[in-house]
Amino acid sequence: NYVGDSVLGRGVNLGAGCKLSNLRNDGRSVLVRGLEGGDVDSGLRTFGAILGDGVALGCNAVTNPGVIIGAGSNVHPNVTVSGVHPADSTLRE
C-alpha cells in the first residue's frame, strides 16, 4: 500500500494494494472537490485523503489527491475515488 500525506481515522482498513495518491500530475496545489460550498484549494502541493473512522477500502482501490470519505464508508475493490463522500457511503465503479 501507499499512503501519501493522508489522515486515517480509527479502525480504517486498507485492502492489499491500495494507493492514497497525494500529488497532482500538473504540479499545482491539490483541490478538494465536491464540497457544498464548491471546490477548495488546499494550498498544498501534496495532500492525499482523509478517511473517517471505520472506512474500508477494497484491494487495489485508489484515492485521487484531496479525497474525503466519511466514517463507516466502504470502497469496493479496484475502484478509483475522487471528491467528497458522506458517512456510510458505498463506492462502486
Protein backbone atom coordinates (compact mmCIF):
# COMPACT_ATOMS: atom_id res chain seq x y z
CA ASN A 1 0.00 0.00 0.00
CA TYR A 2 0.94 3.64 -0.43
CA VAL A 3 -0.48 6.21 1.99
CA GLY A 4 0.76 9.65 0.94
CA ASP A 5 0.16 12.67 3.21
CA SER A 6 -3.21 11.36 4.41
CA VAL A 7 -5.24 11.31 7.61
CA LEU A 8 -6.75 7.97 8.65
CA GLY A 9 -9.44 7.59 11.29
CA ARG A 10 -9.61 4.82 13.84
CA GLY A 11 -10.28 1.33 12.54
CA VAL A 12 -9.60 2.13 8.87
CA ASN A 13 -8.93 -0.98 6.77
CA LEU A 14 -6.85 -0.76 3.60
CA GLY A 15 -7.03 -3.84 1.40
CA ALA A 16 -3.90 -5.14 -0.30
CA GLY A 17 -2.51 -2.83 -2.96
CA CYS A 18 -4.43 0.33 -2.02
CA LYS A 19 -2.95 3.68 -3.04
CA LEU A 20 -3.81 7.02 -1.46
CA SER A 21 -2.36 9.33 -4.09
CA ASN A 22 -1.10 12.71 -2.90
CA LEU A 23 0.38 14.60 -5.86
CA ARG A 24 -1.23 16.18 -8.90
CA ASN A 25 0.46 15.41 -12.19
CA ASP A 26 0.43 19.08 -13.24
CA GLY A 27 2.32 20.27 -10.14
CA ARG A 28 -0.44 22.62 -8.95
CA SER A 29 -1.91 22.54 -5.45
CA VAL A 30 -4.47 19.87 -4.60
CA LEU A 31 -8.16 20.79 -4.82
CA VAL A 32 -10.84 19.27 -2.61
CA ARG A 33 -13.78 18.84 -4.98
CA GLY A 34 -17.42 18.22 -4.18
CA LEU A 35 -17.91 20.29 -1.02
CA GLU A 36 -21.26 22.08 -0.65
CA GLY A 37 -19.60 25.48 -1.00
CA GLY A 38 -17.68 24.45 -4.12
CA ASP A 39 -14.10 23.38 -4.72
CA VAL A 40 -11.48 24.38 -2.15
CA ASP A 41 -7.80 24.85 -2.96
CA SER A 42 -5.83 23.15 -0.17
CA GLY A 43 -2.79 25.32 -0.88
CA LEU A 44 -0.73 22.13 -0.59
CA ARG A 45 1.31 20.52 -3.34
CA THR A 46 0.93 17.13 -1.61
CA PHE A 47 -2.30 16.16 0.10
CA GLY A 48 -3.73 12.64 0.00
CA ALA A 49 -7.04 11.61 1.54
CA ILE A 50 -8.99 12.00 4.74
CA LEU A 51 -10.68 8.73 5.70
CA GLY A 52 -13.17 8.73 8.57
CA ASP A 53 -13.37 6.14 11.33
CA GLY A 54 -14.15 2.63 10.12
CA VAL A 55 -13.67 3.27 6.40
CA ALA A 56 -12.82 0.11 4.44
CA LEU A 57 -11.07 0.16 1.07
CA GLY A 58 -11.10 -3.00 -1.03
CA CYS A 59 -7.97 -4.43 -2.64
CA ASN A 60 -6.33 -2.18 -5.26
CA ALA A 61 -8.62 0.78 -4.56
CA VAL A 62 -7.11 4.19 -5.38
CA THR A 63 -7.98 7.62 -4.00
CA ASN A 64 -7.07 10.69 -6.02
CA PRO A 65 -5.49 13.65 -4.20
CA GLY A 66 -7.90 15.61 -1.99
CA VAL A 67 -10.47 12.85 -1.40
CA ILE A 68 -12.60 12.85 1.74
CA ILE A 69 -14.53 9.70 2.68
CA GLY A 70 -16.92 9.81 5.63
CA ALA A 71 -16.96 7.39 8.55
CA GLY A 72 -18.26 3.88 8.01
CA SER A 73 -17.96 4.03 4.23
CA ASN A 74 -16.97 1.12 2.01
CA VAL A 75 -15.00 1.31 -1.24
CA HIS A 76 -15.21 -1.76 -3.46
CA PRO A 77 -12.05 -3.36 -4.88
CA ASN A 78 -10.41 -1.79 -7.97
CA VAL A 79 -12.36 1.48 -7.64
CA THR A 80 -10.75 4.89 -8.18
CA VAL A 81 -12.30 7.54 -5.91
CA SER A 82 -12.45 11.32 -6.42
CA GLY A 83 -14.28 14.02 -4.47
CA VAL A 84 -16.06 14.12 -1.12
CA HIS A 85 -18.35 11.33 0.11
CA PRO A 86 -20.61 11.38 3.19
CA ALA A 87 -20.59 8.87 6.03
CA ASP A 88 -21.87 5.37 5.31
CA SER A 89 -21.32 5.63 1.55
CA THR A 90 -20.77 2.58 -0.64
CA LEU A 91 -18.49 3.42 -3.56
CA ARG A 92 -18.58 1.19 -6.61
CA GLU A 93 -17.26 1.80 -10.09
